[in-house]
Structure formats: C-alpha cells, structure tokens
C-alpha cells in the first residue's frame, strides 16, 4: 500500500511538472478561466444526539452530545489554470460521555448516566486545509494537491493528498485517482481510576483512592498497563469512473482502499470483564482495562451512483456502497434523493439513507468481555446495528447575484435537516446552513 501511494504521488508530481512546462510553451491561445472570480462559502451546523451506549463508560450510560461547527472556504483564481482553496473550520462540543473520563470532578455523585461538569465535558476542534488545483489548457486534465492540519485536546493530525482527473470521450467519461496520508498523534489520556496503575504508579495506594470508599470488591486490581504507542498513520487510495450513459442517465463507479497502522483504540474508553469482581466508587463502575484493538486495519469500499434526469423538475439520485475490513465488519449503504425544482431559483430535496453493519470480531457489550481476550471493545460504533436517516433540504440559487455584501454577490443559500436513528437507541439530528458568495467585478475587469 505504501509503495502504491508513493508511486501515485511521484506520478502526480511528474504530471504537474510536465503540464506546467506545456503551459509555458503555449502562447496566444484563448482559454476560459477555470474560476472566473473569488468565491467565499460560509457553512454552519448544529448537531445533537442522545443514547445509552457510550464507549467511555464501557457501553452503558449517557451519550448526550451537542456540537456547533462553522467553516469558511475561500477559492482564489491564481490565473487562468490554477485555483487555490483555503478551508478553515472550528467545532465546539459538549459531551456527557467524554465528561466521564473523570466522573469524580463534578459536584454530584459519579454516575455513568449523568454528565460530569469537569474539564473533559467540552472541547474545541480546529482544522485548516489548503488545496491547489491545476487544469490543462484543453481542460481535460486536472491535478490537485492538498495539505491539512487539525487539533483537539487529545490529538493532532497532519495530512497530505493529491489527485488526478482525466476527461475523455468529449467529456462524457471522467476517470479520477486520489491518494491521501494522515499522521495522527494522540495524547494518552486514561480513565481517572486507571492512572495510578500506569507503570511506576502507586496503584491502590494512590491518594486518589483515599478520598473515596470502594464498594463491591475492595481489592481493586485492574488488568491495565499503559499503551506503548501514541501515533496512528492512515493511507488511502481511491479510484472513480464517471460515465454519461444517455442524455438522462449518469453513472459513477467508486473503489477506495485504506490502510491504518498504530494506535487504533481510544485510550480513555473503558472495558469491563465478566470474570473480574466489580469495584465501585459511588454509582460508578471502575474500569478493568481500556479498549485494546489490533495495530493494523485494512478497509475496502466499493460503491456507485446513478443519477436519472426524469424531467425538468425532477432528478433521482441514488447511491450504494459495500464495505468490509480486516476486523470483520461488513456494511451496506443505500441512499436515495429526489431534488424537486420548484422554480428556476428554488429546489427542495427530500432524501433517505439506510445503513446495515455487522459487528467487529472484538466487540462485546458492557461487562461481557473475558480478561483472557487479546483484543476487546464495547464501542457500539463497532457493534452490529442498522440505522435510518431522513433528510430534507432546500436551496436558493441566484445566478445574477442581486444581493451584495461589499464586492461579493450572493450566489446560493442551502439549508438541510437530517434525522438519524439506530436500532441500538442512538438518535441524532443535524441542521446545516450554507451561503456562497462570488466576487462581482466591474465590466471590463
């Protein structure tokens, strides 16, 4: 996989260099600009969820979470052929489950079904991505390169990527290949009751346990030892082929492969063993260990889209994906969307998505693992479940950009609402809002 990614990047770099040389030797030919003027897109979303299976507390407790995110995307035409896109995003969330990394730092008694008010109850995620795109003179080849960095309280991530797209058959056929690498670094934050047992710690003699009365098994001795690795690398390669099949039908085939190496488990997600005696402080079950998963994971996804133009008012968009990985998860996704054009400016888009998934080999619910297992998790994202999602979106497009803010005219407005539900009890709603502006230049410029 690594050799394949290296070959792809070398090919992309060589292609970009050759294309730039070709452009330098081409003079006196009129070309329409890839992007006529600067575009600015403002995005915002609000997400909320409820449920009773958080991994932080071993598969039981509250999953209540709220997230408010905003993103700005600026696309700058550098010349006729090149575009630079800058994407900056920030997300602030409050999480009842992550607050229970330390359930004893709040004002009320520790309980997995109650959020703690301590420092781990909220956080901010920040991301910055830059994308450079170059198009050939005939507009049949497009090269892109990107770099990204993101950070949160317990990890940082740095990514690099690139892609090549070729249009053929009078632009009726489009073939794309892309590659990405991400280098993540974790901060090893463990559940509060396990920290005294990190190598060299005082164990049960630690001052933490002097403040509380142990209930149940008073000889608390978890299996826990600290994790050796704190980094994770991800490598991905994807191929897509798009074909106009008729004047009414377009199809897309997609194939994606991912290799992950390093720390693939989450250090603060608890696990409980049925062959260990239970120890409690207040109403909180003390962990027997943290989630442990293999240090490698291979993923493969095969999918496709079919878009059918019914008439001037209706378009049927369909999507299907089959996924499998080396942890024995298999899943299928089906999505249908039916945009309805109410007028030249207004479109409403109802949609439905359904998802089926089998369980990972290492998953078991709360208190059902055995201490003799090599790997274990009670994260319900790795369990067997199915989920449905209903959505509705409405968009407004103004090709004449009548509304202005400074030098920018309003190009489009989008509003979407999605309601999601798993058969495990997790429920979530997300509302997204987007505004796109384009720079309006005076005539002759």
Protein backbone atom coordinates (compact mmCIF):
# COMPACT_ATOMS: atom_id res chain seq x y z
CA UNK A 1 0.00 0.00 0.00
CA UNK A 2 2.80 2.45 0.90
CA UNK A 3 4.66 1.70 -2.34
CA UNK A 4 1.49 2.25 -4.33
CA UNK A 5 0.90 5.62 -2.64
CA UNK A 6 4.49 6.66 -3.29
CA UNK A 7 4.11 5.72 -6.97
CA UNK A 8 0.90 7.74 -7.22
CA UNK A 9 2.47 10.85 -5.69
CA UNK A 10 5.54 10.61 -7.93
CA UNK A 11 3.28 10.25 -10.96
CA UNK A 12 1.15 13.22 -9.92
CA UNK A 13 4.23 15.37 -9.29
CA UNK A 14 5.76 14.46 -12.65
CA UNK A 15 2.44 15.14 -14.40
CA UNK A 16 2.11 18.57 -12.79
CA UNK A 17 5.65 19.48 -13.79
CA UNK A 18 5.08 18.39 -17.39
CA UNK A 19 1.78 20.27 -17.53
CA UNK A 20 3.42 23.46 -16.31
CA UNK A 21 6.11 23.09 -18.96
CA UNK A 22 3.43 22.61 -21.63
CA UNK A 23 1.58 25.72 -20.46
CA UNK A 24 4.74 27.79 -20.57
CA UNK A 25 5.26 26.81 -24.21
CA UNK A 26 1.68 27.57 -25.20
CA UNK A 27 1.06 31.20 -26.12
CA UNK A 28 -1.54 33.14 -27.96
CA UNK A 29 -4.37 30.65 -27.26
CA UNK A 30 -7.58 31.88 -25.64
CA UNK A 31 -8.62 29.90 -22.57
CA UNK A 32 -11.64 30.35 -20.39
CA UNK A 33 -10.62 30.71 -16.76
CA UNK A 34 -11.28 27.68 -14.57
CA UNK A 35 -12.68 30.01 -11.91
CA UNK A 36 -13.75 33.46 -13.05
CA UNK A 37 -13.60 35.21 -9.68
CA UNK A 38 -13.06 34.65 -5.98
CA UNK A 39 -15.72 32.59 -4.20
CA UNK A 40 -16.43 32.53 -0.47
CA UNK A 41 -18.57 29.87 1.18
CA UNK A 42 -19.79 30.07 4.78
CA UNK A 43 -21.04 26.86 6.39
CA UNK A 44 -22.54 26.18 9.79
CA UNK A 45 -24.08 23.18 11.54
CA UNK A 46 -25.69 22.19 14.82
CA UNK A 47 -25.65 18.53 15.87
CA UNK A 48 -27.25 16.85 18.88
CA UNK A 49 -27.58 13.22 19.94
CA UNK A 50 -28.92 11.04 22.73
CA UNK A 51 -28.35 7.38 23.55
CA UNK A 52 -27.31 4.96 26.30
CA UNK A 53 -24.24 3.10 25.00
CA UNK A 54 -21.13 5.33 25.30
CA UNK A 55 -17.74 3.66 24.91
CA UNK A 56 -16.17 5.96 27.54
CA UNK A 57 -18.13 4.15 30.25
CA UNK A 58 -17.89 0.67 28.74
CA UNK A 59 -21.15 0.57 26.79
CA UNK A 60 -23.64 1.93 29.33
CA UNK A 61 -24.51 5.48 30.34
CA UNK A 62 -25.46 8.68 28.59
CA UNK A 63 -24.35 9.54 25.05
CA UNK A 64 -25.77 13.06 25.10
CA UNK A 65 -23.68 15.32 22.88
CA UNK A 66 -24.07 18.75 21.29
CA UNK A 67 -21.80 20.22 18.64
CA UNK A 68 -21.73 23.63 16.96
CA UNK A 69 -19.44 23.94 13.91
CA UNK A 70 -18.58 26.64 11.41
CA UNK A 71 -16.41 26.61 8.28
CA UNK A 72 -15.21 29.17 5.77
CA UNK A 73 -13.99 28.15 2.31
CA UNK A 74 -12.24 30.67 0.07
CA UNK A 75 -11.45 29.81 -3.57
CA UNK A 76 -8.92 32.09 -5.24
CA UNK A 77 -8.22 32.02 -9.00
CA UNK A 78 -4.43 32.41 -9.30
CA UNK A 79 -4.52 32.60 -13.11
CA UNK A 80 -6.46 31.01 -15.98
CA UNK A 81 -5.50 27.47 -14.95
CA UNK A 82 -4.82 27.43 -11.20
CA UNK A 83 -7.09 27.71 -8.18
CA UNK A 84 -6.15 27.83 -4.51
CA UNK A 85 -8.78 26.81 -1.96
CA UNK A 86 -8.39 27.60 1.72
CA UNK A 87 -10.66 25.85 4.22
CA UNK A 88 -10.74 26.81 7.91
CA UNK A 89 -13.13 25.17 10.37
CA UNK A 90 -13.84 25.19 14.09
CA UNK A 91 -16.12 22.93 16.09
CA UNK A 92 -17.10 23.34 19.75
CA UNK A 93 -18.87 20.49 21.54
CA UNK A 94 -20.10 19.40 24.92
CA UNK A 95 -20.22 15.66 25.60
CA UNK A 96 -21.77 13.88 28.56
CA UNK A 97 -19.85 10.68 27.83
CA UNK A 98 -16.38 12.23 27.49
CA UNK A 99 -17.06 14.21 30.66
CA UNK A 100 -16.93 10.84 32.43
CA UNK A 101 -13.28 10.30 31.63
CA UNK A 102 -13.14 11.73 35.13
CA UNK A 103 -16.63 11.33 36.61
CA UNK A 104 -15.43 12.44 40.06
CA UNK A 105 -14.61 16.07 39.25
CA UNK A 106 -18.21 17.29 39.28
CA UNK A 107 -20.46 18.44 42.10
CA UNK A 108 -22.80 15.42 42.10
CA UNK A 109 -22.08 11.74 42.71
CA UNK A 110 -20.35 9.89 39.89
CA UNK A 111 -22.82 8.04 37.67
CA UNK A 112 -22.43 6.83 34.05
CA UNK A 113 -25.93 8.11 33.26
CA UNK A 114 -25.09 11.60 34.46
CA UNK A 115 -22.63 14.06 32.90
CA UNK A 116 -19.77 15.35 34.98
CA UNK A 117 -19.15 19.08 34.93
CA UNK A 118 -15.36 18.69 34.83
CA UNK A 119 -12.77 19.80 32.28
CA UNK A 120 -13.34 16.89 29.87
CA UNK A 121 -17.01 17.74 29.32
CA UNK A 122 -16.29 20.07 26.38
CA UNK A 123 -13.61 20.80 23.81
CA UNK A 124 -12.81 22.65 20.59
CA UNK A 125 -11.62 21.10 17.32
CA UNK A 126 -9.80 23.26 14.76
CA UNK A 127 -8.92 22.39 11.16
CA UNK A 128 -7.07 24.16 8.35
CA UNK A 129 -6.81 22.77 4.79
CA UNK A 130 -5.24 24.17 1.65
CA UNK A 131 -5.92 22.73 -1.83
CA UNK A 132 -4.08 23.67 -5.03
CA UNK A 133 -5.72 22.74 -8.36
CA UNK A 134 -4.22 22.97 -11.87
CA UNK A 135 -6.12 22.37 -15.13
CA UNK A 136 -4.56 21.68 -18.51
CA UNK A 137 -5.06 24.01 -21.48
CA UNK A 138 -7.73 21.76 -23.01
CA UNK A 139 -9.43 21.39 -19.60
CA UNK A 140 -9.32 17.60 -19.92
CA UNK A 141 -6.80 17.04 -17.12
CA UNK A 142 -6.92 18.30 -13.54
CA UNK A 143 -4.21 17.87 -10.88
CA UNK A 144 -4.69 18.73 -7.23
CA UNK A 145 -2.53 18.72 -4.13
CA UNK A 146 -3.61 19.40 -0.57
CA UNK A 147 -2.29 19.71 2.97
CA UNK A 148 -4.25 19.80 6.20
CA UNK A 149 -3.73 20.14 9.92
CA UNK A 150 -6.23 19.70 12.74
CA UNK A 151 -6.01 19.65 16.51
CA UNK A 152 -8.12 18.75 19.51
CA UNK A 153 -7.37 18.37 23.21
CA UNK A 154 -6.16 14.77 22.85
CA UNK A 155 -4.74 14.60 19.32
CA UNK A 156 -3.17 16.43 16.41
CA UNK A 157 -3.33 15.37 12.76
CA UNK A 158 -1.34 16.33 9.67
CA UNK A 159 -2.40 15.24 6.20
CA UNK A 160 -1.17 15.32 2.61
CA UNK A 161 -3.07 14.36 -0.52
CA UNK A 162 -3.28 14.60 -4.26
CA UNK A 163 -5.46 13.59 -7.18
CA UNK A 164 -5.50 13.37 -10.96
CA UNK A 165 -8.65 13.60 -13.11
CA UNK A 166 -8.88 12.89 -16.83
CA UNK A 167 -11.89 13.75 -19.01
CA UNK A 168 -12.31 11.77 -22.22
CA UNK A 169 -14.84 10.93 -24.90
CA UNK A 170 -15.83 14.59 -25.37
CA UNK A 171 -16.07 14.92 -21.58
CA UNK A 172 -18.63 12.12 -21.35
CA UNK A 173 -16.17 9.97 -19.41
CA UNK A 174 -14.24 11.05 -16.32
CA UNK A 175 -11.57 8.98 -14.53
CA UNK A 176 -10.07 10.10 -11.21
CA UNK A 177 -7.44 8.68 -8.90
CA UNK A 178 -6.55 10.10 -5.49
CA UNK A 179 -4.24 9.36 -2.60
CA UNK A 180 -4.07 10.67 0.96
CA UNK A 181 -1.89 10.16 4.01
CA UNK A 182 -2.62 11.26 7.57
CA UNK A 183 -0.23 11.27 10.52
CA UNK A 184 -2.01 11.47 13.88
CA UNK A 185 -0.53 11.85 17.33
CA UNK A 186 -2.53 11.00 20.45
CA UNK A 187 -2.19 12.30 23.98
CA UNK A 188 -2.58 9.21 26.13
CA UNK A 189 -5.41 10.27 28.43
CA UNK A 190 -6.67 7.34 30.50
CA UNK A 191 -9.77 6.97 32.71
CA UNK A 192 -9.06 8.67 36.04
CA UNK A 193 -9.18 5.46 38.14
CA UNK A 194 -6.59 3.70 35.94
CA UNK A 195 -3.95 6.45 36.00
CA UNK A 196 -2.44 5.32 39.36
CA UNK A 197 -1.72 1.93 37.71
CA UNK A 198 0.42 3.30 34.87
CA UNK A 199 3.94 1.89 35.08
CA UNK A 200 5.63 3.24 38.21
CA UNK A 201 2.35 4.37 39.79
CA UNK A 202 1.20 3.74 43.35
CA UNK A 203 -1.81 1.64 42.40
CA UNK A 204 -4.48 1.25 45.03
CA UNK A 205 -2.22 3.14 47.49
CA UNK A 206 -2.53 6.30 45.39
CA UNK A 207 -4.05 9.33 47.14
CA UNK A 208 -6.98 9.23 44.68
CA UNK A 209 -8.43 6.18 46.46
CA UNK A 210 -8.02 7.74 49.91
CA UNK A 211 -10.83 10.19 49.11
CA UNK A 212 -13.46 7.54 48.30
CA UNK A 213 -14.92 4.37 49.74
CA UNK A 214 -14.58 1.33 47.50
CA UNK A 215 -17.74 -0.73 47.23
CA UNK A 216 -18.04 -4.31 45.99
CA UNK A 217 -14.54 -5.71 45.53
CA UNK A 218 -12.34 -3.63 47.85
CA UNK A 219 -9.16 -5.19 46.41
CA UNK A 220 -9.37 -3.27 43.15
CA UNK A 221 -6.64 -4.55 40.82
CA UNK A 222 -7.33 -3.82 37.13
CA UNK A 223 -5.57 -5.62 34.27
CA UNK A 224 -4.42 -2.25 32.98
CA UNK A 225 -0.96 -1.40 31.70
CA UNK A 226 -0.25 1.76 29.75
CA UNK A 227 -0.25 1.79 25.95
CA UNK A 228 3.11 1.72 24.18
CA UNK A 229 2.18 3.63 21.04
CA UNK A 230 0.65 7.10 20.69
CA UNK A 231 0.71 7.58 16.90
CA UNK A 232 -1.56 6.49 14.06
CA UNK A 233 -0.91 6.65 10.31
CA UNK A 234 -3.58 6.29 7.64
CA UNK A 235 -3.01 5.72 3.91
CA UNK A 236 -5.79 5.75 1.32
CA UNK A 237 -6.13 5.30 -2.44
CA UNK A 238 -9.33 5.85 -4.39
CA UNK A 239 -10.47 5.47 -8.00
CA UNK A 240 -13.70 6.71 -9.57
CA UNK A 241 -15.07 6.41 -13.10
CA UNK A 242 -17.97 8.60 -14.20
CA UNK A 243 -19.85 7.95 -17.42
CA UNK A 244 -22.76 9.70 -19.13
CA UNK A 245 -24.80 6.69 -20.23
CA UNK A 246 -27.55 8.59 -22.03
CA UNK A 247 -29.00 12.08 -22.13
CA UNK A 248 -30.97 11.22 -18.98
CA UNK A 249 -28.65 8.86 -17.09
CA UNK A 250 -25.23 9.25 -15.49
CA UNK A 251 -23.34 6.56 -13.56
CA UNK A 252 -20.30 6.63 -11.25
CA UNK A 253 -18.22 3.68 -10.01
CA UNK A 254 -16.01 4.14 -6.92
CA UNK A 255 -13.34 1.98 -5.28
CA UNK A 256 -11.48 3.01 -2.11
CA UNK A 257 -8.82 1.26 -0.05
CA UNK A 258 -7.45 2.35 3.34
CA UNK A 259 -4.60 1.06 5.50
CA UNK A 260 -4.28 2.19 9.12
CA UNK A 261 -1.34 1.50 11.42
CA UNK A 262 -0.55 2.40 15.02
CA UNK A 263 -2.84 3.23 17.93
CA UNK A 264 -6.32 2.38 16.63
CA UNK A 265 -8.04 2.14 20.00
CA UNK A 266 -9.08 5.11 22.13
CA UNK A 267 -7.10 5.37 25.41
CA UNK A 268 -10.00 6.62 27.57
CA UNK A 269 -12.67 4.09 26.52
CA UNK A 270 -13.32 1.63 29.35
CA UNK A 271 -13.79 -2.15 29.19
CA UNK A 272 -15.25 -4.45 31.89
CA UNK A 273 -14.59 -8.19 32.29
CA UNK A 274 -17.25 -10.64 33.42
CA UNK A 275 -14.58 -12.80 35.13
CA UNK A 276 -13.39 -9.88 37.34
CA UNK A 277 -15.10 -8.88 40.57
CA UNK A 278 -16.73 -5.46 40.26
CA UNK A 279 -15.45 -2.44 42.16
CA UNK A 280 -17.45 0.77 42.51
CA UNK A 281 -17.00 4.30 43.77
CA UNK A 282 -20.38 5.92 44.39
CA UNK A 283 -22.52 4.78 41.42
CA UNK A 284 -19.60 4.35 39.04
CA UNK A 285 -18.13 1.02 37.97
CA UNK A 286 -14.32 1.22 37.98
CA UNK A 287 -12.69 0.06 34.74
CA UNK A 288 -10.93 -3.28 34.38
CA UNK A 289 -8.96 -2.06 31.35
CA UNK A 290 -9.14 0.28 28.36
CA UNK A 291 -10.18 -0.60 24.84
CA UNK A 292 -7.50 -2.62 23.01
CA UNK A 293 -7.62 -3.24 19.27
CA UNK A 294 -5.14 -4.53 16.66
CA UNK A 295 -2.48 -2.10 15.47
CA UNK A 296 -3.43 -2.53 11.79
CA UNK A 297 -6.70 -2.28 9.90
CA UNK A 298 -7.41 -2.64 6.18
CA UNK A 299 -10.61 -1.22 4.71
CA UNK A 300 -12.17 -1.64 1.27
CA UNK A 301 -15.27 0.09 -0.08
CA UNK A 302 -16.96 -0.42 -3.46
CA UNK A 303 -19.81 1.82 -4.48
CA UNK A 304 -21.67 3.56 -7.23
CA UNK A 305 -24.08 6.33 -8.09
CA UNK A 306 -26.85 6.51 -10.66
CA UNK A 307 -28.47 9.87 -11.38
CA UNK A 308 -31.53 9.88 -13.61
CA UNK A 309 -32.97 13.06 -15.12
CA UNK A 310 -36.73 12.42 -15.06
CA UNK A 311 -37.79 15.79 -16.43
CA UNK A 312 -37.04 19.48 -15.98
CA UNK A 313 -38.49 19.38 -12.46
CA UNK A 314 -37.26 16.03 -11.08
CA UNK A 315 -33.91 14.25 -10.75
CA UNK A 316 -33.50 10.88 -8.99
CA UNK A 317 -30.11 10.44 -7.31
CA UNK A 318 -29.19 7.00 -5.97
CA UNK A 319 -26.12 5.69 -4.17
CA UNK A 320 -24.95 2.26 -2.98
CA UNK A 321 -21.79 1.20 -1.12
CA UNK A 322 -20.48 -2.14 0.15
CA UNK A 323 -17.75 -2.05 2.79
CA UNK A 324 -15.58 -4.66 4.52
CA UNK A 325 -12.46 -4.56 6.69
CA UNK A 326 -9.93 -6.78 8.44
CA UNK A 327 -11.82 -6.50 11.75
CA UNK A 328 -14.68 -8.49 10.16
CA UNK A 329 -17.05 -5.53 9.81
CA UNK A 330 -19.22 -5.64 6.71
CA UNK A 331 -21.73 -2.95 5.83
CA UNK A 332 -24.09 -1.76 3.13
CA UNK A 333 -25.36 1.76 2.50
CA UNK A 334 -28.27 2.81 0.29
CA UNK A 335 -29.18 6.43 -0.30
CA UNK A 336 -31.96 7.98 -2.37
CA UNK A 337 -32.52 11.67 -3.04
CA UNK A 338 -35.19 13.34 -5.18
CA UNK A 339 -34.48 17.04 -5.84
CA UNK A 340 -37.61 18.86 -6.99
CA UNK A 341 -37.12 22.14 -8.86
CA UNK A 342 -39.91 24.42 -7.69
CA UNK A 343 -38.72 27.36 -9.80
CA UNK A 344 -35.53 28.49 -11.57
CA UNK A 345 -34.20 29.59 -8.18
CA UNK A 346 -35.73 27.22 -5.63
CA UNK A 347 -35.13 23.47 -5.16
CA UNK A 348 -36.35 21.15 -2.41
CA UNK A 349 -34.57 17.82 -1.84
CA UNK A 350 -36.06 15.01 0.29
CA UNK A 351 -33.74 12.07 0.96
CA UNK A 352 -33.48 8.75 2.78
CA UNK A 353 -30.41 6.74 3.76
CA UNK A 354 -30.28 3.24 5.24
CA UNK A 355 -27.24 1.52 6.69
CA UNK A 356 -26.59 -2.08 7.84
CA UNK A 357 -23.46 -3.21 9.69
CA UNK A 358 -22.11 -6.44 11.19
CA UNK A 359 -20.11 -6.40 14.43
CA UNK A 360 -16.33 -6.31 14.69
CA UNK A 361 -14.72 -9.52 15.95
CA UNK A 362 -13.60 -7.72 19.11
CA UNK A 363 -16.91 -6.17 20.20
CA UNK A 364 -18.95 -7.23 23.22
CA UNK A 365 -21.47 -5.24 25.32
CA UNK A 366 -20.91 -3.95 28.84
CA UNK A 367 -19.29 -6.46 31.23
CA UNK A 368 -19.31 -9.35 28.72
CA UNK A 369 -15.63 -9.50 27.73
CA UNK A 370 -13.20 -12.00 29.25
CA UNK A 371 -9.83 -10.97 30.63
CA UNK A 372 -8.22 -13.73 28.53
CA UNK A 373 -9.21 -11.96 25.29
CA UNK A 374 -6.36 -10.38 23.35
CA UNK A 375 -8.50 -7.54 21.96
CA UNK A 376 -11.73 -6.01 23.22
CA UNK A 377 -14.02 -3.03 22.81
CA UNK A 378 -17.51 -2.01 23.93
CA UNK A 379 -17.76 0.81 21.39
CA UNK A 380 -21.20 0.47 19.76
CA UNK A 381 -19.85 2.08 16.58
CA UNK A 382 -18.20 -1.35 16.11
CA UNK A 383 -21.33 -3.33 17.03
CA UNK A 384 -23.99 -4.89 14.83
CA UNK A 385 -26.70 -2.35 14.04
CA UNK A 386 -28.80 -0.77 11.33
CA UNK A 387 -29.72 2.87 11.00
CA UNK A 388 -32.06 5.08 9.01
CA UNK A 389 -31.74 8.75 8.18
CA UNK A 390 -34.43 11.04 6.80
CA UNK A 391 -33.44 14.37 5.34
CA UNK A 392 -34.92 17.44 3.72
CA UNK A 393 -33.03 20.26 2.09
CA UNK A 394 -33.97 23.49 0.41
CA UNK A 395 -31.69 25.62 -1.75
CA UNK A 396 -31.90 29.00 -3.41
CA UNK A 397 -29.71 29.95 -6.37
CA UNK A 398 -29.32 33.46 -7.78
CA UNK A 399 -27.25 33.36 -10.97
CA UNK A 400 -27.45 37.16 -11.22
CA UNK A 401 -26.19 37.71 -7.63
CA UNK A 402 -28.63 40.56 -6.90
CA UNK A 403 -27.85 40.68 -3.18
CA UNK A 404 -24.41 42.14 -2.38
CA UNK A 405 -22.10 42.43 0.61
CA UNK A 406 -19.20 44.70 -0.29
CA UNK A 407 -17.71 43.31 -3.55
CA UNK A 408 -19.41 39.91 -3.23
CA UNK A 409 -22.77 38.84 -4.57
CA UNK A 410 -24.89 36.09 -3.04
CA UNK A 411 -24.77 33.04 -5.32
CA UNK A 412 -26.68 30.40 -3.32
CA UNK A 413 -28.27 29.56 0.02
CA UNK A 414 -28.65 26.00 1.34
CA UNK A 415 -30.50 24.70 4.39
CA UNK A 416 -30.65 20.99 5.31
CA UNK A 417 -32.08 18.97 8.18
CA UNK A 418 -31.36 15.27 8.85
CA UNK A 419 -32.79 12.97 11.49
CA UNK A 420 -30.83 9.79 12.27
CA UNK A 421 -31.76 6.75 14.38
CA UNK A 422 -30.07 3.42 15.14
CA UNK A 423 -31.83 0.32 16.35
CA UNK A 424 -29.47 0.42 19.38
CA UNK A 425 -31.26 3.54 20.61
CA UNK A 426 -28.91 6.27 19.41
CA UNK A 427 -30.81 9.24 17.97
CA UNK A 428 -29.33 12.35 16.37
CA UNK A 429 -30.40 15.48 14.49
CA UNK A 430 -28.22 17.78 12.44
CA UNK A 431 -29.07 21.09 10.80
CA UNK A 432 -26.64 22.62 8.27
CA UNK A 433 -26.68 26.03 6.67
CA UNK A 434 -24.58 27.36 3.81
CA UNK A 435 -24.05 30.66 2.00
CA UNK A 436 -21.97 31.03 -1.15
CA UNK A 437 -20.72 34.39 -2.42
CA UNK A 438 -18.84 35.25 -5.59
CA UNK A 439 -16.81 38.34 -6.28
CA UNK A 440 -18.61 40.68 -8.68
CA UNK A 441 -16.15 42.52 -10.89
CA UNK A 442 -16.97 45.67 -12.82
CA UNK A 443 -17.36 45.20 -16.58
CA UNK A 444 -14.10 45.19 -18.42
CA UNK A 445 -12.05 43.81 -15.50
